[in-house]
């Protein structure tokens, strides 16, 4: 739900609001946009990572990534994370 909220914020909020919310200068924003474009939509699989996850999902909204792909990639990344954690926990017991 949090990732979808960030996506909506990026999609519907003005660029000024997004930059203020993320505390980004114009140059920081351009660098983030270039990185997102460089690494592609697959970077959304890492939306669960602390610190970088929120800006990734906001940038996806700003760049108008199709909602269908956004949901698939973010869900896949988070699902793989929890499968990995579950596996590790079961190995300890």
N, C-alpha and C. Protein backbone atom coordinates (compact mmCIF):
# COMPACT_ATOMS: atom_id res chain seq x y z
N UNK A 1 0.82 -1.19 0.00
CA UNK A 1 0.00 0.00 0.00
C UNK A 1 0.87 1.26 0.00
N UNK A 2 1.97 1.22 0.73
CA UNK A 2 2.85 2.39 0.79
C UNK A 2 3.47 2.71 -0.56
N UNK A 3 3.89 1.68 -1.29
CA UNK A 3 4.48 1.90 -2.60
C UNK A 3 3.46 2.49 -3.57
N UNK A 4 2.23 2.01 -3.49
CA UNK A 4 1.17 2.53 -4.35
C UNK A 4 0.85 3.98 -4.00
N UNK A 5 0.89 4.32 -2.72
CA UNK A 5 0.68 5.71 -2.30
C UNK A 5 1.79 6.61 -2.84
N UNK A 6 3.03 6.14 -2.77
CA UNK A 6 4.14 6.91 -3.33
C UNK A 6 3.99 7.09 -4.83
N UNK A 7 3.57 6.05 -5.52
CA UNK A 7 3.35 6.12 -6.97
C UNK A 7 2.29 7.19 -7.28
N UNK A 8 1.19 7.15 -6.53
CA UNK A 8 0.11 8.12 -6.75
C UNK A 8 0.59 9.54 -6.48
N UNK A 9 1.39 9.71 -5.44
CA UNK A 9 1.94 11.03 -5.14
C UNK A 9 2.77 11.53 -6.31
N UNK A 10 3.64 10.69 -6.83
CA UNK A 10 4.47 11.08 -7.97
C UNK A 10 3.65 11.33 -9.22
N UNK A 11 2.60 10.56 -9.40
CA UNK A 11 1.77 10.67 -10.59
C UNK A 11 0.91 11.93 -10.59
N UNK A 12 0.31 12.23 -9.43
CA UNK A 12 -0.66 13.32 -9.38
C UNK A 12 -0.13 14.63 -8.80
N UNK A 13 0.88 14.57 -7.99
CA UNK A 13 1.39 15.80 -7.38
C UNK A 13 2.22 16.58 -8.39
N UNK A 14 2.33 17.85 -8.16
CA UNK A 14 3.17 18.65 -9.04
C UNK A 14 4.63 18.32 -8.76
N UNK A 15 5.48 18.60 -9.73
CA UNK A 15 6.90 18.33 -9.59
C UNK A 15 7.51 19.09 -8.42
N UNK A 16 7.01 20.29 -8.16
CA UNK A 16 7.50 21.10 -7.04
C UNK A 16 7.23 20.39 -5.72
N UNK A 17 6.05 19.83 -5.58
CA UNK A 17 5.68 19.12 -4.35
C UNK A 17 6.55 17.88 -4.18
N UNK A 18 6.75 17.13 -5.26
CA UNK A 18 7.58 15.93 -5.20
C UNK A 18 9.00 16.27 -4.79
N UNK A 19 9.57 17.30 -5.39
CA UNK A 19 10.94 17.70 -5.04
C UNK A 19 11.04 18.13 -3.59
N UNK A 20 10.02 18.84 -3.11
CA UNK A 20 10.02 19.28 -1.72
C UNK A 20 9.89 18.08 -0.79
N UNK A 21 8.98 17.16 -1.10
CA UNK A 21 8.75 15.99 -0.27
C UNK A 21 9.99 15.13 -0.19
N UNK A 22 10.69 14.94 -1.33
CA UNK A 22 11.90 14.13 -1.35
C UNK A 22 13.14 14.91 -0.98
N UNK A 23 12.97 16.24 -0.77
CA UNK A 23 14.09 17.12 -0.45
C UNK A 23 15.20 17.03 -1.51
N UNK A 24 14.78 17.23 -2.75
CA UNK A 24 15.71 17.12 -3.88
C UNK A 24 15.86 18.46 -4.59
N UNK A 25 17.08 18.77 -4.95
CA UNK A 25 17.33 19.94 -5.79
C UNK A 25 17.02 19.54 -7.24
N UNK A 26 17.04 20.51 -8.12
CA UNK A 26 16.79 20.22 -9.53
C UNK A 26 17.83 19.25 -10.08
N UNK A 27 19.10 19.46 -9.73
CA UNK A 27 20.15 18.56 -10.23
C UNK A 27 20.02 17.15 -9.64
N UNK A 28 19.65 17.06 -8.36
CA UNK A 28 19.42 15.75 -7.74
C UNK A 28 18.29 15.02 -8.44
N UNK A 29 17.23 15.76 -8.74
CA UNK A 29 16.07 15.17 -9.39
C UNK A 29 16.44 14.66 -10.79
N UNK A 30 17.20 15.44 -11.54
CA UNK A 30 17.61 15.02 -12.88
C UNK A 30 18.49 13.79 -12.83
N UNK A 31 19.40 13.73 -11.85
CA UNK A 31 20.25 12.54 -11.69
C UNK A 31 19.41 11.31 -11.35
N UNK A 32 18.44 11.48 -10.46
CA UNK A 32 17.57 10.36 -10.08
C UNK A 32 16.76 9.88 -11.29
N UNK A 33 16.28 10.83 -12.07
CA UNK A 33 15.51 10.48 -13.26
C UNK A 33 16.39 9.71 -14.26
N UNK A 34 17.62 10.17 -14.46
CA UNK A 34 18.53 9.49 -15.38
C UNK A 34 18.88 8.08 -14.89
N UNK A 35 19.07 7.93 -13.58
CA UNK A 35 19.36 6.60 -13.03
C UNK A 35 18.18 5.66 -13.21
N UNK A 36 16.98 6.18 -12.97
CA UNK A 36 15.79 5.35 -13.12
C UNK A 36 15.66 4.90 -14.57
N UNK A 37 15.89 5.81 -15.50
CA UNK A 37 15.81 5.47 -16.92
C UNK A 37 16.92 4.48 -17.29
N UNK A 38 18.12 4.69 -16.76
CA UNK A 38 19.27 3.83 -17.07
C UNK A 38 19.04 2.39 -16.60
N UNK A 39 18.60 2.23 -15.36
CA UNK A 39 18.43 0.89 -14.81
C UNK A 39 17.07 0.29 -15.13
N UNK A 40 16.18 1.09 -15.64
CA UNK A 40 14.90 0.58 -16.12
C UNK A 40 13.91 0.26 -15.03
N UNK A 41 12.81 -0.25 -15.49
CA UNK A 41 11.71 -0.54 -14.59
C UNK A 41 12.02 -1.70 -13.65
N UNK A 42 12.99 -2.55 -14.00
CA UNK A 42 13.33 -3.67 -13.11
C UNK A 42 13.84 -3.19 -11.75
N UNK A 43 14.28 -1.94 -11.70
CA UNK A 43 14.71 -1.40 -10.41
C UNK A 43 13.55 -1.36 -9.41
N UNK A 44 12.33 -1.40 -9.91
CA UNK A 44 11.15 -1.41 -9.02
C UNK A 44 11.08 -2.69 -8.19
N UNK A 45 11.80 -3.72 -8.59
CA UNK A 45 11.86 -4.95 -7.78
C UNK A 45 12.55 -4.69 -6.45
N UNK A 46 13.25 -3.57 -6.35
CA UNK A 46 13.96 -3.22 -5.13
C UNK A 46 13.24 -2.13 -4.34
N UNK A 47 11.93 -2.00 -4.54
CA UNK A 47 11.14 -1.00 -3.83
C UNK A 47 11.10 -1.29 -2.33
N UNK A 48 11.42 -2.49 -1.92
CA UNK A 48 11.40 -2.87 -0.50
C UNK A 48 12.64 -2.41 0.25
N UNK A 49 13.68 -2.00 -0.47
CA UNK A 49 14.95 -1.63 0.16
C UNK A 49 14.79 -0.31 0.90
N UNK A 50 15.20 -0.27 2.17
CA UNK A 50 15.10 1.00 2.91
C UNK A 50 15.88 2.12 2.22
N UNK A 51 15.42 3.31 2.37
CA UNK A 51 16.00 4.55 1.87
C UNK A 51 15.79 4.74 0.36
N UNK A 52 16.09 3.73 -0.46
CA UNK A 52 15.94 3.93 -1.91
C UNK A 52 14.56 3.54 -2.43
N UNK A 53 13.81 2.77 -1.66
CA UNK A 53 12.52 2.27 -2.13
C UNK A 53 11.49 3.36 -2.37
N UNK A 54 11.36 4.28 -1.43
CA UNK A 54 10.37 5.35 -1.59
C UNK A 54 10.66 6.25 -2.78
N UNK A 55 11.89 6.74 -2.93
CA UNK A 55 12.16 7.56 -4.13
C UNK A 55 11.95 6.80 -5.44
N UNK A 56 12.25 5.51 -5.45
CA UNK A 56 12.02 4.71 -6.66
C UNK A 56 10.55 4.70 -7.05
N UNK A 57 9.70 4.48 -6.06
CA UNK A 57 8.27 4.39 -6.37
C UNK A 57 7.68 5.74 -6.73
N UNK A 58 8.18 6.81 -6.12
CA UNK A 58 7.72 8.15 -6.49
C UNK A 58 8.16 8.47 -7.92
N UNK A 59 9.41 8.15 -8.25
CA UNK A 59 9.90 8.41 -9.61
C UNK A 59 9.11 7.63 -10.65
N UNK A 60 8.69 6.43 -10.30
CA UNK A 60 7.87 5.65 -11.22
C UNK A 60 6.57 6.40 -11.53
N UNK A 61 5.99 7.02 -10.51
CA UNK A 61 4.79 7.81 -10.74
C UNK A 61 5.05 9.05 -11.56
N UNK A 62 6.13 9.75 -11.24
CA UNK A 62 6.49 10.97 -11.99
C UNK A 62 6.72 10.64 -13.46
N UNK A 63 7.40 9.52 -13.72
CA UNK A 63 7.71 9.13 -15.09
C UNK A 63 6.58 8.38 -15.77
N UNK A 64 5.47 8.25 -15.09
CA UNK A 64 4.26 7.64 -15.64
C UNK A 64 4.45 6.18 -16.09
N UNK A 65 5.14 5.41 -15.26
CA UNK A 65 5.27 3.97 -15.52
C UNK A 65 3.85 3.40 -15.47
N UNK A 66 3.56 2.50 -16.40
CA UNK A 66 2.21 1.91 -16.43
C UNK A 66 1.92 1.22 -15.10
N UNK A 67 0.76 1.48 -14.55
CA UNK A 67 0.38 0.95 -13.24
C UNK A 67 0.47 -0.57 -13.21
N UNK A 68 0.07 -1.21 -14.29
CA UNK A 68 0.11 -2.67 -14.35
C UNK A 68 1.54 -3.18 -14.12
N UNK A 69 2.53 -2.61 -14.81
CA UNK A 69 3.91 -3.03 -14.66
C UNK A 69 4.46 -2.66 -13.28
N UNK A 70 4.06 -1.49 -12.80
CA UNK A 70 4.48 -1.07 -11.46
C UNK A 70 4.06 -2.10 -10.42
N UNK A 71 2.79 -2.48 -10.44
CA UNK A 71 2.27 -3.43 -9.46
C UNK A 71 2.93 -4.80 -9.59
N UNK A 72 3.14 -5.26 -10.81
CA UNK A 72 3.78 -6.56 -11.02
C UNK A 72 5.20 -6.57 -10.46
N UNK A 73 5.99 -5.55 -10.80
CA UNK A 73 7.40 -5.52 -10.40
C UNK A 73 7.57 -5.30 -8.89
N UNK A 74 6.81 -4.39 -8.32
CA UNK A 74 6.93 -4.14 -6.89
C UNK A 74 6.47 -5.37 -6.10
N UNK A 75 5.37 -5.97 -6.53
CA UNK A 75 4.87 -7.17 -5.85
C UNK A 75 5.86 -8.32 -5.97
N UNK A 76 6.44 -8.50 -7.15
CA UNK A 76 7.42 -9.58 -7.35
C UNK A 76 8.63 -9.38 -6.45
N UNK A 77 9.13 -8.16 -6.37
CA UNK A 77 10.30 -7.89 -5.53
C UNK A 77 10.01 -8.15 -4.06
N UNK A 78 8.87 -7.70 -3.60
CA UNK A 78 8.53 -7.90 -2.18
C UNK A 78 8.24 -9.37 -1.90
N UNK A 79 7.60 -10.05 -2.84
CA UNK A 79 7.33 -11.47 -2.65
C UNK A 79 8.63 -12.26 -2.55
N UNK A 80 9.58 -11.99 -3.45
CA UNK A 80 10.86 -12.69 -3.39
C UNK A 80 11.60 -12.41 -2.09
N UNK A 81 11.49 -11.19 -1.61
CA UNK A 81 12.13 -10.85 -0.33
C UNK A 81 11.56 -11.71 0.79
N UNK A 82 10.24 -11.80 0.88
CA UNK A 82 9.62 -12.55 1.97
C UNK A 82 9.81 -14.05 1.81
N UNK A 83 9.88 -14.55 0.60
CA UNK A 83 10.19 -15.96 0.38
C UNK A 83 11.60 -16.25 0.89
N UNK A 84 12.54 -15.35 0.58
CA UNK A 84 13.92 -15.52 1.04
C UNK A 84 14.03 -15.47 2.55
N UNK A 85 13.33 -14.53 3.18
CA UNK A 85 13.34 -14.43 4.64
C UNK A 85 12.74 -15.69 5.26
N UNK A 86 11.62 -16.16 4.69
CA UNK A 86 10.97 -17.37 5.22
C UNK A 86 11.90 -18.57 5.11
N UNK A 87 12.58 -18.68 3.99
CA UNK A 87 13.52 -19.78 3.80
C UNK A 87 14.63 -19.75 4.84
N UNK A 88 15.18 -18.57 5.06
CA UNK A 88 16.26 -18.45 6.06
C UNK A 88 15.77 -18.79 7.46
N UNK A 89 14.59 -18.35 7.81
CA UNK A 89 14.04 -18.64 9.14
C UNK A 89 13.81 -20.14 9.30
N UNK A 90 13.29 -20.79 8.26
CA UNK A 90 13.06 -22.23 8.34
C UNK A 90 14.36 -23.02 8.42
N UNK A 91 15.44 -22.51 7.87
CA UNK A 91 16.73 -23.18 7.93
C UNK A 91 17.31 -23.13 9.34
N UNK A 92 17.01 -22.08 10.08
CA UNK A 92 17.52 -21.93 11.45
C UNK A 92 16.86 -22.93 12.37
N UNK A 93 15.59 -23.21 12.15
CA UNK A 93 14.86 -24.15 13.03
C UNK A 93 15.14 -25.53 12.64
